[in-house]
């Protein structure tokens, strides 16, 4: 089954983390891949501590895309493609009951991964595996294949008033 958490609101990753923890609590084997993030956000520590969850992050990604040099973008893209290959192998081998590709849509829309590899994961993932995809503005390819699609819309956010991101809340 394919799950999508998308939209401009806060909580897409949090929803995926919650589902991953729920799955692990039920004995599912979970692989959590986090694109466009270096693994330093607070939820990653809890995921790593949970039995049954493996976490793979893009350690070389320490900036927003608009802040990256071309060399940094190339390094992040290369790491993303390595992560996609790992995810494809996880799908092929049946090595997880749930696979989360967090922030996949941002990396996809920015051209910072092999789009055909991302699409192949979706095409080849068996219905018995929960495939969870997150990010803003998913391409129609993903939306057409989703079994669940939850859109998180921002109504109000302190960031709009100049409040900076807070540890434990936004990251």
Protein backbone atom coordinates (compact mmCIF):
# COMPACT_ATOMS: atom_id res chain seq x y z
CA UNK A 1 0.00 0.00 0.00
CA UNK A 2 1.26 3.47 -0.86
CA UNK A 3 0.80 6.30 1.64
CA UNK A 4 1.42 9.98 0.83
CA UNK A 5 1.72 12.82 3.31
CA UNK A 6 1.97 16.05 1.32
CA UNK A 7 1.11 19.73 1.49
CA UNK A 8 2.51 23.02 2.72
CA UNK A 9 1.71 22.42 6.39
CA UNK A 10 3.86 21.28 9.28
CA UNK A 11 3.60 17.62 10.18
CA UNK A 12 4.33 15.48 7.12
CA UNK A 13 7.49 13.98 8.57
CA UNK A 14 5.86 13.78 12.00
CA UNK A 15 3.01 11.73 10.52
CA UNK A 16 5.48 9.38 8.83
CA UNK A 17 7.48 9.04 12.06
CA UNK A 18 4.29 8.22 13.96
CA UNK A 19 3.34 5.56 11.44
CA UNK A 20 6.86 4.09 11.54
CA UNK A 21 6.74 3.88 15.34
CA UNK A 22 3.26 2.35 15.24
CA UNK A 23 4.44 -0.21 12.72
CA UNK A 24 7.53 -1.10 14.75
CA UNK A 25 5.37 -1.36 17.86
CA UNK A 26 3.29 -3.96 16.01
CA UNK A 27 6.39 -5.92 15.08
CA UNK A 28 6.85 -4.61 11.55
CA UNK A 29 10.35 -4.20 10.14
CA UNK A 30 10.71 -0.52 9.18
CA UNK A 31 13.30 1.23 7.00
CA UNK A 32 13.17 5.02 7.29
CA UNK A 33 15.05 6.89 4.54
CA UNK A 34 15.33 10.64 5.00
CA UNK A 35 16.18 12.74 1.94
CA UNK A 36 17.30 16.39 2.06
CA UNK A 37 18.07 16.08 5.79
CA UNK A 38 21.31 15.14 7.54
CA UNK A 39 19.82 13.07 10.35
CA UNK A 40 20.24 15.69 13.07
CA UNK A 41 16.56 16.48 13.62
CA UNK A 42 15.17 15.30 16.93
CA UNK A 43 12.86 12.56 15.65
CA UNK A 44 15.79 10.62 14.20
CA UNK A 45 17.23 9.90 17.67
CA UNK A 46 13.97 8.25 18.72
CA UNK A 47 13.66 6.27 15.50
CA UNK A 48 17.22 4.99 15.89
CA UNK A 49 16.46 3.94 19.47
CA UNK A 50 13.35 1.98 18.48
CA UNK A 51 13.65 -1.75 17.94
CA UNK A 52 12.76 -2.80 14.42
CA UNK A 53 13.56 0.52 12.69
CA UNK A 54 16.63 1.21 10.58
CA UNK A 55 17.34 4.81 9.64
CA UNK A 56 19.26 6.04 6.61
CA UNK A 57 19.83 9.79 6.21
CA UNK A 58 21.64 12.07 3.79
CA UNK A 59 24.54 13.00 6.07
CA UNK A 60 26.07 15.33 3.44
CA UNK A 61 22.95 17.52 3.33
CA UNK A 62 23.40 20.29 5.89
CA UNK A 63 21.76 23.21 4.08
CA UNK A 64 18.56 24.09 2.30
CA UNK A 65 18.79 23.46 -1.45
CA UNK A 66 18.75 27.18 -2.28
CA UNK A 67 21.84 27.65 -0.07
CA UNK A 68 23.90 24.87 -1.72
CA UNK A 69 26.70 25.31 -4.20
CA UNK A 70 26.66 23.18 -7.34
CA UNK A 71 29.29 20.89 -5.79
CA UNK A 72 27.17 20.44 -2.66
CA UNK A 73 24.10 19.68 -4.78
CA UNK A 74 26.09 17.07 -6.69
CA UNK A 75 27.26 15.42 -3.44
CA UNK A 76 23.71 15.35 -2.06
CA UNK A 77 22.35 13.97 -5.33
CA UNK A 78 24.98 11.19 -5.32
CA UNK A 79 24.06 10.27 -1.72
CA UNK A 80 20.34 10.33 -2.56
CA UNK A 81 20.96 7.93 -5.43
CA UNK A 82 22.87 5.59 -3.08
CA UNK A 83 19.90 5.73 -0.71
CA UNK A 84 17.49 4.95 -3.56
CA UNK A 85 19.58 1.92 -4.50
CA UNK A 86 19.43 0.73 -0.88
CA UNK A 87 15.66 1.25 -0.87
CA UNK A 88 15.30 -0.63 -4.17
CA UNK A 89 17.28 -3.54 -2.70
CA UNK A 90 15.08 -3.47 0.41
CA UNK A 91 12.01 -3.74 -1.82
CA UNK A 92 13.59 -6.50 -3.94
CA UNK A 93 14.69 -8.55 -0.95
CA UNK A 94 11.51 -8.09 1.09
CA UNK A 95 13.74 -6.74 3.86
CA UNK A 96 11.09 -4.46 5.36
CA UNK A 97 7.38 -4.43 5.97
CA UNK A 98 7.32 -0.62 5.85
CA UNK A 99 9.59 1.70 3.89
CA UNK A 100 9.44 5.44 4.50
CA UNK A 101 10.92 7.80 1.89
CA UNK A 102 10.75 11.07 3.83
CA UNK A 103 11.11 14.29 1.80
CA UNK A 104 11.25 12.26 -1.40
CA UNK A 105 9.07 14.76 -3.25
CA UNK A 106 11.38 17.70 -2.57
CA UNK A 107 14.43 15.80 -3.78
CA UNK A 108 12.43 14.58 -6.80
CA UNK A 109 11.15 18.03 -7.78
CA UNK A 110 14.60 19.61 -7.32
CA UNK A 111 16.14 16.98 -9.60
CA UNK A 112 18.39 15.84 -6.75
CA UNK A 113 17.90 12.12 -7.33
CA UNK A 114 17.36 9.67 -10.15
CA UNK A 115 13.67 10.14 -10.86
CA UNK A 116 13.34 6.87 -12.74
CA UNK A 117 14.80 4.99 -9.73
CA UNK A 118 12.27 6.67 -7.41
CA UNK A 119 9.44 5.74 -9.76
CA UNK A 120 10.74 2.16 -10.03
CA UNK A 121 10.51 1.74 -6.25
CA UNK A 122 6.85 2.72 -6.40
CA UNK A 123 6.16 0.48 -9.39
CA UNK A 124 7.91 -2.55 -7.91
CA UNK A 125 6.82 -2.30 -4.29
CA UNK A 126 4.48 -5.17 -3.45
CA UNK A 127 1.06 -4.33 -2.02
CA UNK A 128 2.07 -6.20 1.14
CA UNK A 129 4.71 -3.54 1.87
CA UNK A 130 3.67 -0.18 3.28
CA UNK A 131 5.48 2.49 1.23
CA UNK A 132 5.26 5.93 2.84
CA UNK A 133 6.21 9.01 0.80
CA UNK A 134 6.37 12.58 2.11
CA UNK A 135 7.03 16.12 0.94
CA UNK A 136 5.51 19.06 -0.82
CA UNK A 137 4.00 18.94 -4.29
CA UNK A 138 4.12 15.26 -5.24
CA UNK A 139 4.28 14.59 -8.96
CA UNK A 140 1.10 13.19 -10.50
CA UNK A 141 2.91 9.85 -11.01
CA UNK A 142 2.89 9.31 -7.23
CA UNK A 143 -0.60 10.68 -6.60
CA UNK A 144 -2.15 8.34 -9.18
CA UNK A 145 -0.70 5.30 -7.41
CA UNK A 146 -1.43 6.26 -3.79
CA UNK A 147 -3.77 4.16 -1.70
CA UNK A 148 -3.76 6.82 1.05
CA UNK A 149 -3.12 10.50 0.38
CA UNK A 150 -3.29 12.95 3.26
CA UNK A 151 -2.68 16.60 2.51
CA UNK A 152 -1.48 18.75 5.39
CA UNK A 153 -2.39 22.38 4.87
CA UNK A 154 -0.93 25.31 6.74
CA UNK A 155 -3.58 27.58 8.20
CA UNK A 156 -1.31 29.44 10.60
CA UNK A 157 2.37 29.06 11.48
CA UNK A 158 4.55 31.12 13.87
CA UNK A 159 7.24 31.20 11.16
CA UNK A 160 5.00 33.63 9.26
CA UNK A 161 5.45 36.07 12.18
CA UNK A 162 9.23 35.63 12.23
CA UNK A 163 9.44 32.93 14.91
CA UNK A 164 12.43 30.72 14.14
CA UNK A 165 12.24 26.93 14.04
CA UNK A 166 12.36 25.43 17.54
CA UNK A 167 14.20 22.24 18.50
CA UNK A 168 11.80 19.48 19.45
CA UNK A 169 8.91 21.21 17.65
CA UNK A 170 10.00 21.94 14.07
CA UNK A 171 13.19 19.87 14.09
